[in-house]
N, C-alpha and C. Protein backbone atom coordinates (compact mmCIF):
# COMPACT_ATOMS: atom_id res chain seq x y z
N MET A 1 99.56 94.04 125.85
CA MET A 1 98.23 93.44 125.72
C MET A 1 97.78 93.18 124.08
N ILE A 2 97.29 92.12 124.28
CA ILE A 2 97.11 91.30 122.93
C ILE A 2 95.78 91.65 122.48
N TYR A 3 95.51 92.26 121.33
CA TYR A 3 94.49 92.64 120.64
C TYR A 3 93.81 91.69 119.83
N ASP A 4 92.85 91.59 119.14
CA ASP A 4 92.27 90.78 118.04
C ASP A 4 92.50 91.72 116.93
N THR A 5 92.32 91.58 115.69
CA THR A 5 92.39 92.24 114.52
C THR A 5 91.59 93.74 114.68
N GLU A 6 90.13 93.35 114.68
CA GLU A 6 89.37 94.56 114.57
C GLU A 6 89.41 95.69 115.98
N GLU A 7 89.88 94.50 117.04
CA GLU A 7 90.16 95.46 118.22
C GLU A 7 91.34 96.64 118.02
N LEU A 8 92.49 96.03 117.37
CA LEU A 8 93.71 96.54 117.29
C LEU A 8 93.07 97.89 116.45
N ARG A 9 92.62 97.56 115.44
CA ARG A 9 92.06 98.38 114.32
C ARG A 9 91.31 99.68 114.86
N ARG A 10 90.45 99.47 115.86
CA ARG A 10 89.85 100.28 116.83
C ARG A 10 90.48 101.51 117.63
N ARG A 11 91.38 100.75 118.25
CA ARG A 11 92.72 101.12 119.05
C ARG A 11 93.48 102.17 118.55
N LEU A 12 93.89 101.84 117.06
CA LEU A 12 94.76 102.54 116.24
C LEU A 12 93.97 103.58 115.79
N LEU A 13 92.64 103.67 115.19
CA LEU A 13 91.84 104.62 114.85
C LEU A 13 91.58 106.04 115.84
N GLU A 14 91.24 105.54 117.32
CA GLU A 14 91.34 106.03 118.24
C GLU A 14 92.26 106.68 118.64
N GLU A 15 93.60 106.30 118.69
CA GLU A 15 94.88 106.87 118.86
C GLU A 15 95.19 107.99 117.87
N ILE A 16 94.84 107.99 116.47
CA ILE A 16 95.28 108.77 115.34
C ILE A 16 94.03 110.04 115.81
N TYR A 17 92.93 109.65 116.01
CA TYR A 17 91.89 110.71 116.14
C TYR A 17 92.28 111.62 117.43
N ALA A 18 92.75 110.99 118.28
CA ALA A 18 92.96 112.08 119.55
C ALA A 18 94.23 112.62 119.29
N GLY A 19 95.25 111.84 118.30
CA GLY A 19 96.13 112.73 117.87
C GLY A 19 96.07 114.15 117.01
N ALA A 20 94.93 113.94 116.29
CA ALA A 20 94.44 114.84 115.33
C ALA A 20 93.67 116.12 116.27
N ALA A 21 93.02 115.60 117.11
CA ALA A 21 92.50 116.51 117.75
C ALA A 21 93.40 117.35 118.94
N ALA A 22 94.34 116.82 119.19
CA ALA A 22 95.73 117.38 119.89
C ALA A 22 96.65 118.27 119.10
N GLY A 23 96.29 118.49 117.88
CA GLY A 23 96.71 119.14 116.93
C GLY A 23 97.94 118.97 116.11
N MET A 24 97.77 117.42 116.11
CA MET A 24 98.63 116.56 115.16
C MET A 24 97.93 116.15 113.83
N GLY A 25 97.63 117.03 113.22
CA GLY A 25 96.43 116.40 112.03
C GLY A 25 96.81 115.82 111.17
N ALA A 26 98.37 115.54 110.99
CA ALA A 26 99.17 114.58 110.12
C ALA A 26 98.68 113.24 110.62
N MET A 27 98.35 112.88 111.76
CA MET A 27 98.27 111.59 112.06
C MET A 27 96.95 111.07 111.03
N LEU A 28 96.05 111.65 110.85
CA LEU A 28 94.88 111.35 110.03
C LEU A 28 95.56 110.46 108.68
N LEU A 29 96.43 111.08 108.28
CA LEU A 29 97.02 110.44 106.73
C LEU A 29 97.06 108.98 107.05
N ASP A 30 97.20 108.37 108.39
CA ASP A 30 97.25 106.97 108.42
C ASP A 30 95.89 106.50 108.25
N GLU A 31 94.75 106.98 108.40
CA GLU A 31 93.28 106.56 108.73
C GLU A 31 93.04 105.52 107.51
N GLY A 32 93.45 105.84 106.14
CA GLY A 32 92.94 104.80 104.89
C GLY A 32 93.81 103.35 105.15
N ARG A 33 94.98 104.13 105.67
CA ARG A 33 95.61 102.81 105.82
C ARG A 33 95.64 101.56 106.84
N ILE A 34 95.10 102.58 108.06
CA ILE A 34 94.82 101.40 109.07
C ILE A 34 93.14 100.67 108.59
N ARG A 35 92.58 101.69 107.97
CA ARG A 35 90.87 100.79 107.77
C ARG A 35 91.59 99.60 106.66
N ARG A 36 92.39 99.85 105.53
CA ARG A 36 92.56 98.99 104.83
C ARG A 36 93.61 97.51 104.97
N ALA A 37 94.20 97.89 106.17
CA ALA A 37 95.37 96.87 106.56
C ALA A 37 94.99 95.39 107.16
N ASP A 38 95.32 94.61 106.68
CA ASP A 38 95.42 93.32 107.21
C ASP A 38 95.85 92.80 108.13
N ASP A 39 95.69 91.70 109.28
CA ASP A 39 96.15 91.71 110.61
C ASP A 39 97.64 91.90 110.64
N GLU A 40 98.35 91.23 109.64
CA GLU A 40 100.16 91.63 109.72
C GLU A 40 100.11 93.17 109.68
N GLU A 41 99.62 93.84 108.17
CA GLU A 41 100.04 95.39 108.37
C GLU A 41 99.64 95.85 109.35
N LEU A 42 98.46 95.88 110.12
CA LEU A 42 97.88 96.44 111.41
C LEU A 42 99.05 96.26 112.74
N ARG A 43 99.43 94.98 112.92
CA ARG A 43 100.60 95.05 113.79
C ARG A 43 101.60 95.46 113.61
N GLU A 44 102.24 96.05 112.64
CA GLU A 44 103.36 96.78 112.18
C GLU A 44 102.76 98.24 112.42
N ILE A 45 101.95 98.41 112.15
CA ILE A 45 101.32 100.05 112.11
C ILE A 45 101.30 100.33 114.01
N ALA A 46 101.13 99.04 114.41
CA ALA A 46 100.63 99.40 116.00
C ALA A 46 102.12 99.72 116.65
N ALA A 47 102.83 98.60 116.04
CA ALA A 47 104.54 98.76 116.43
C ALA A 47 105.09 100.18 116.35
N GLN A 48 104.57 100.94 115.20
CA GLN A 48 105.20 102.24 114.95
C GLN A 48 104.49 102.82 115.88
N TYR A 49 103.20 102.85 116.15
CA TYR A 49 102.53 103.88 117.42
C TYR A 49 102.99 103.44 118.72
N GLY A 50 103.57 102.14 119.07
CA GLY A 50 104.12 101.89 120.54
C GLY A 50 103.09 100.90 121.10
N ILE A 51 102.12 100.59 120.02
CA ILE A 51 101.02 99.40 120.43
C ILE A 51 101.58 98.07 120.55
N ARG A 52 101.54 97.49 121.62
CA ARG A 52 101.72 96.45 121.67
C ARG A 52 100.54 94.98 121.81
């Protein structure tokens, strides 16, 4: 699925919040990076999380 920039940002934030709630609190370390990222960096982060 292809996401626009803000939709991808929202999806990534949901992913890290869900991970933190499931006991993987270290995922929250990426929150600031996701919030500041431009389109290209968001796509790189998404690839790291397995989101395409």
